[in-house]
Amino acid sequence: MHTTNILEKMKLPSKLHISTAEQWSTELKALLEKDSDVNLDISGVEAIDTASIQVLCALQKSLAVTDNRIEWSGTSESLVQATDLLGVTSFLHLAEKPQD
């Protein structure tokens, strides 16, 4: 398990759609500048589209360059189902998420 002393946190909105992606992806970009793992609280996520999953994958890819990653908190059946369907659950390390 990857650990770090610094962890930037963000709660994701309930609807992660292309129409809201600009707003929350801007917040994610700001977290990238801090060179640390990012904790995303997914407990309120009720709906997610492919564009939003692409944003999360881009975040994970960018974090990996600096040996950081996404840490998940909370649970979201919608997010897990969507990432499973698209085959990116492992890439996003959702499969490693501890149960809450």
N, C-alpha and C. Protein backbone atom coordinates (compact mmCIF):
# COMPACT_ATOMS: atom_id res chain seq x y z
N MET A 1 0.84 -1.18 0.00
CA MET A 1 0.00 0.00 0.00
C MET A 1 0.88 1.24 0.00
N HIS A 2 0.57 2.19 -0.86
CA HIS A 2 1.32 3.43 -0.96
C HIS A 2 0.93 4.38 0.17
N THR A 3 1.90 4.93 0.86
CA THR A 3 1.60 5.89 1.91
C THR A 3 2.44 7.13 1.72
N THR A 4 1.93 8.23 2.22
CA THR A 4 2.63 9.50 2.15
C THR A 4 2.24 10.32 3.37
N ASN A 5 3.06 11.27 3.73
CA ASN A 5 2.75 12.12 4.88
C ASN A 5 1.74 13.20 4.54
N ILE A 6 1.63 13.53 3.27
CA ILE A 6 0.74 14.60 2.84
C ILE A 6 -0.40 13.97 2.06
N LEU A 7 -1.61 14.41 2.34
CA LEU A 7 -2.76 13.90 1.62
C LEU A 7 -3.74 15.04 1.41
N GLU A 8 -3.92 15.40 0.16
CA GLU A 8 -4.88 16.45 -0.19
C GLU A 8 -6.25 15.81 -0.34
N LYS A 9 -7.29 16.45 0.20
CA LYS A 9 -8.62 15.85 0.22
C LYS A 9 -9.63 16.67 -0.58
N MET A 10 -10.58 15.95 -1.19
CA MET A 10 -11.65 16.59 -1.95
C MET A 10 -12.86 15.67 -1.96
N LYS A 11 -14.03 16.23 -1.71
CA LYS A 11 -15.28 15.47 -1.82
C LYS A 11 -15.85 15.69 -3.21
N LEU A 12 -16.09 14.60 -3.92
CA LEU A 12 -16.64 14.71 -5.26
C LEU A 12 -18.14 14.98 -5.21
N PRO A 13 -18.66 15.73 -6.18
CA PRO A 13 -20.09 16.03 -6.20
C PRO A 13 -20.93 14.79 -6.52
N SER A 14 -22.23 14.88 -6.28
CA SER A 14 -23.11 13.73 -6.49
C SER A 14 -23.26 13.35 -7.96
N LYS A 15 -23.19 14.33 -8.84
CA LYS A 15 -23.31 14.06 -10.27
C LYS A 15 -22.03 14.47 -10.97
N LEU A 16 -21.32 13.47 -11.48
CA LEU A 16 -20.08 13.71 -12.22
C LEU A 16 -20.38 13.52 -13.70
N HIS A 17 -20.79 14.61 -14.32
CA HIS A 17 -21.14 14.60 -15.74
C HIS A 17 -20.29 15.60 -16.49
N ILE A 18 -20.29 15.48 -17.79
CA ILE A 18 -19.52 16.40 -18.62
C ILE A 18 -19.91 17.86 -18.33
N SER A 19 -21.17 18.09 -17.97
CA SER A 19 -21.64 19.45 -17.69
C SER A 19 -21.04 20.03 -16.41
N THR A 20 -20.59 19.16 -15.49
CA THR A 20 -19.99 19.64 -14.24
C THR A 20 -18.49 19.38 -14.18
N ALA A 21 -17.96 18.70 -15.19
CA ALA A 21 -16.55 18.29 -15.16
C ALA A 21 -15.59 19.46 -15.06
N GLU A 22 -15.88 20.55 -15.74
CA GLU A 22 -14.95 21.69 -15.71
C GLU A 22 -14.76 22.20 -14.29
N GLN A 23 -15.85 22.32 -13.55
CA GLN A 23 -15.78 22.83 -12.19
C GLN A 23 -14.93 21.94 -11.29
N TRP A 24 -15.25 20.67 -11.20
CA TRP A 24 -14.51 19.82 -10.26
C TRP A 24 -13.15 19.41 -10.79
N SER A 25 -12.95 19.39 -12.12
CA SER A 25 -11.61 19.07 -12.63
C SER A 25 -10.64 20.22 -12.38
N THR A 26 -11.14 21.45 -12.32
CA THR A 26 -10.30 22.60 -11.96
C THR A 26 -9.79 22.44 -10.53
N GLU A 27 -10.65 21.97 -9.64
CA GLU A 27 -10.24 21.72 -8.25
C GLU A 27 -9.19 20.61 -8.20
N LEU A 28 -9.37 19.58 -9.02
CA LEU A 28 -8.40 18.49 -9.06
C LEU A 28 -7.04 18.98 -9.56
N LYS A 29 -7.04 19.84 -10.56
CA LYS A 29 -5.78 20.38 -11.09
C LYS A 29 -5.02 21.13 -10.01
N ALA A 30 -5.74 21.86 -9.18
CA ALA A 30 -5.09 22.59 -8.08
C ALA A 30 -4.44 21.62 -7.10
N LEU A 31 -5.08 20.48 -6.87
CA LEU A 31 -4.51 19.48 -5.98
C LEU A 31 -3.25 18.86 -6.57
N LEU A 32 -3.20 18.73 -7.89
CA LEU A 32 -2.01 18.17 -8.55
C LEU A 32 -0.76 18.99 -8.28
N GLU A 33 -0.92 20.28 -8.14
CA GLU A 33 0.22 21.18 -7.92
C GLU A 33 0.88 20.95 -6.56
N LYS A 34 0.23 20.23 -5.67
CA LYS A 34 0.75 20.05 -4.31
C LYS A 34 1.68 18.85 -4.18
N ASP A 35 1.86 18.07 -5.24
CA ASP A 35 2.78 16.93 -5.26
C ASP A 35 2.55 16.00 -4.07
N SER A 36 1.33 15.50 -3.97
CA SER A 36 1.00 14.56 -2.89
C SER A 36 -0.10 13.64 -3.37
N ASP A 37 -0.37 12.60 -2.59
CA ASP A 37 -1.53 11.76 -2.87
C ASP A 37 -2.79 12.61 -2.75
N VAL A 38 -3.83 12.19 -3.42
CA VAL A 38 -5.10 12.90 -3.38
C VAL A 38 -6.16 11.95 -2.85
N ASN A 39 -6.86 12.35 -1.79
CA ASN A 39 -7.94 11.57 -1.23
C ASN A 39 -9.24 12.09 -1.81
N LEU A 40 -9.96 11.23 -2.52
CA LEU A 40 -11.25 11.60 -3.08
C LEU A 40 -12.36 10.88 -2.32
N ASP A 41 -13.24 11.68 -1.73
CA ASP A 41 -14.40 11.14 -1.02
C ASP A 41 -15.50 10.92 -2.06
N ILE A 42 -15.82 9.67 -2.30
CA ILE A 42 -16.81 9.33 -3.33
C ILE A 42 -18.16 8.96 -2.72
N SER A 43 -18.32 9.18 -1.44
CA SER A 43 -19.53 8.73 -0.74
C SER A 43 -20.81 9.36 -1.29
N GLY A 44 -20.73 10.53 -1.89
CA GLY A 44 -21.94 11.18 -2.40
C GLY A 44 -22.17 10.99 -3.89
N VAL A 45 -21.28 10.28 -4.57
CA VAL A 45 -21.40 10.11 -6.02
C VAL A 45 -22.56 9.17 -6.34
N GLU A 46 -23.55 9.72 -7.05
CA GLU A 46 -24.73 8.94 -7.44
C GLU A 46 -24.75 8.63 -8.92
N ALA A 47 -24.08 9.46 -9.73
CA ALA A 47 -24.08 9.27 -11.18
C ALA A 47 -22.75 9.75 -11.75
N ILE A 48 -22.23 9.01 -12.73
CA ILE A 48 -20.97 9.39 -13.35
C ILE A 48 -21.01 8.99 -14.82
N ASP A 49 -20.45 9.82 -15.67
CA ASP A 49 -20.40 9.49 -17.09
C ASP A 49 -18.96 9.20 -17.51
N THR A 50 -18.80 8.77 -18.75
CA THR A 50 -17.50 8.37 -19.26
C THR A 50 -16.50 9.52 -19.25
N ALA A 51 -16.95 10.72 -19.58
CA ALA A 51 -16.04 11.87 -19.58
C ALA A 51 -15.44 12.10 -18.19
N SER A 52 -16.23 11.92 -17.17
CA SER A 52 -15.74 12.10 -15.80
C SER A 52 -14.77 11.00 -15.40
N ILE A 53 -15.02 9.80 -15.86
CA ILE A 53 -14.07 8.71 -15.59
C ILE A 53 -12.75 9.00 -16.29
N GLN A 54 -12.81 9.58 -17.48
CA GLN A 54 -11.59 9.96 -18.19
C GLN A 54 -10.81 11.00 -17.38
N VAL A 55 -11.51 11.93 -16.75
CA VAL A 55 -10.84 12.93 -15.91
C VAL A 55 -10.14 12.24 -14.74
N LEU A 56 -10.81 11.29 -14.11
CA LEU A 56 -10.20 10.56 -12.99
C LEU A 56 -8.99 9.75 -13.45
N CYS A 57 -9.07 9.15 -14.63
CA CYS A 57 -7.92 8.40 -15.17
C CYS A 57 -6.76 9.34 -15.48
N ALA A 58 -7.06 10.51 -16.02
CA ALA A 58 -6.00 11.49 -16.31
C ALA A 58 -5.35 11.96 -15.01
N LEU A 59 -6.15 12.14 -13.96
CA LEU A 59 -5.62 12.51 -12.66
C LEU A 59 -4.67 11.42 -12.15
N GLN A 60 -5.10 10.16 -12.21
CA GLN A 60 -4.26 9.06 -11.74
C GLN A 60 -2.96 9.00 -12.53
N LYS A 61 -3.05 9.18 -13.84
CA LYS A 61 -1.85 9.15 -14.69
C LYS A 61 -0.89 10.28 -14.31
N SER A 62 -1.42 11.48 -14.09
CA SER A 62 -0.58 12.62 -13.69
C SER A 62 0.05 12.41 -12.32
N LEU A 63 -0.72 11.85 -11.40
CA LEU A 63 -0.18 11.59 -10.06
C LEU A 63 0.93 10.55 -10.11
N ALA A 64 0.78 9.55 -10.96
CA ALA A 64 1.78 8.48 -11.05
C ALA A 64 3.15 9.00 -11.48
N VAL A 65 3.18 10.06 -12.27
CA VAL A 65 4.44 10.65 -12.72
C VAL A 65 5.29 11.09 -11.53
N THR A 66 4.64 11.53 -10.46
CA THR A 66 5.35 11.99 -9.26
C THR A 66 5.27 10.95 -8.13
N ASP A 67 4.99 9.69 -8.50
CA ASP A 67 4.90 8.58 -7.55
C ASP A 67 3.81 8.82 -6.51
N ASN A 68 2.72 9.43 -6.92
CA ASN A 68 1.56 9.64 -6.06
C ASN A 68 0.37 8.93 -6.68
N ARG A 69 -0.75 8.92 -5.96
CA ARG A 69 -1.93 8.24 -6.46
C ARG A 69 -3.19 8.75 -5.79
N ILE A 70 -4.30 8.26 -6.29
CA ILE A 70 -5.60 8.56 -5.68
C ILE A 70 -5.83 7.58 -4.53
N GLU A 71 -6.22 8.11 -3.41
CA GLU A 71 -6.69 7.31 -2.29
C GLU A 71 -8.20 7.58 -2.22
N TRP A 72 -8.99 6.55 -2.01
CA TRP A 72 -10.45 6.67 -2.03
C TRP A 72 -11.02 6.58 -0.62
N SER A 73 -12.03 7.38 -0.36
CA SER A 73 -12.78 7.23 0.89
C SER A 73 -14.27 7.23 0.56
N GLY A 74 -15.04 6.55 1.39
CA GLY A 74 -16.45 6.40 1.10
C GLY A 74 -16.68 5.32 0.06
N THR A 75 -17.93 5.11 -0.28
CA THR A 75 -18.28 4.12 -1.29
C THR A 75 -19.28 4.71 -2.27
N SER A 76 -19.22 4.26 -3.51
CA SER A 76 -20.17 4.67 -4.54
C SER A 76 -20.36 3.52 -5.50
N GLU A 77 -21.50 2.89 -5.41
CA GLU A 77 -21.82 1.78 -6.30
C GLU A 77 -21.81 2.24 -7.76
N SER A 78 -22.28 3.45 -8.01
CA SER A 78 -22.31 3.99 -9.38
C SER A 78 -20.90 4.10 -9.96
N LEU A 79 -19.97 4.61 -9.17
CA LEU A 79 -18.60 4.76 -9.64
C LEU A 79 -17.95 3.40 -9.88
N VAL A 80 -18.11 2.48 -8.96
CA VAL A 80 -17.51 1.16 -9.09
C VAL A 80 -18.08 0.43 -10.30
N GLN A 81 -19.38 0.48 -10.49
CA GLN A 81 -20.00 -0.18 -11.64
C GLN A 81 -19.49 0.41 -12.96
N ALA A 82 -19.38 1.73 -13.02
CA ALA A 82 -18.92 2.38 -14.25
C ALA A 82 -17.47 2.05 -14.55
N THR A 83 -16.62 2.06 -13.52
CA THR A 83 -15.20 1.75 -13.76
C THR A 83 -15.02 0.28 -14.10
N ASP A 84 -15.83 -0.60 -13.50
CA ASP A 84 -15.78 -2.02 -13.86
C ASP A 84 -16.16 -2.20 -15.32
N LEU A 85 -17.23 -1.55 -15.74
CA LEU A 85 -17.72 -1.66 -17.11
C LEU A 85 -16.66 -1.20 -18.11
N LEU A 86 -15.93 -0.15 -17.76
CA LEU A 86 -14.91 0.39 -18.66
C LEU A 86 -13.53 -0.25 -18.47
N GLY A 87 -13.41 -1.11 -17.48
CA GLY A 87 -12.15 -1.82 -17.27
C GLY A 87 -11.03 -0.99 -16.66
N VAL A 88 -11.37 0.04 -15.88
CA VAL A 88 -10.34 0.90 -15.30
C VAL A 88 -10.31 0.85 -13.77
N THR A 89 -11.04 -0.07 -13.18
CA THR A 89 -11.07 -0.16 -11.71
C THR A 89 -9.68 -0.38 -11.14
N SER A 90 -8.93 -1.28 -11.73
CA SER A 90 -7.57 -1.57 -11.24
C SER A 90 -6.65 -0.38 -11.47
N PHE A 91 -6.73 0.24 -12.63
CA PHE A 91 -5.89 1.40 -12.93
C PHE A 91 -6.11 2.52 -11.92
N LEU A 92 -7.35 2.70 -11.50
CA LEU A 92 -7.68 3.74 -10.53
C LEU A 92 -7.46 3.28 -9.08
N HIS A 93 -7.04 2.04 -8.91
CA HIS A 93 -6.80 1.46 -7.58
C HIS A 93 -8.06 1.38 -6.73
N LEU A 94 -9.21 1.34 -7.38
CA LEU A 94 -10.47 1.16 -6.64
C LEU A 94 -10.57 -0.25 -6.07
N ALA A 95 -9.96 -1.21 -6.74
CA ALA A 95 -9.99 -2.59 -6.25
C ALA A 95 -9.24 -2.73 -4.93
N GLU A 96 -8.32 -1.81 -4.67
CA GLU A 96 -7.51 -1.85 -3.44
C GLU A 96 -8.12 -1.04 -2.32
N LYS A 97 -9.26 -0.39 -2.59
CA LYS A 97 -9.86 0.50 -1.59
C LYS A 97 -10.32 -0.29 -0.38
N PRO A 98 -9.88 0.12 0.82
CA PRO A 98 -10.35 -0.58 2.01
C PRO A 98 -11.85 -0.35 2.20
N GLN A 99 -12.52 -1.33 2.73
CA GLN A 99 -13.95 -1.20 2.99
C GLN A 99 -14.17 -0.27 4.16
N ASP A 100 -15.16 0.63 4.03
CA ASP A 100 -15.48 1.59 5.10
C ASP A 100 -16.54 1.02 6.01
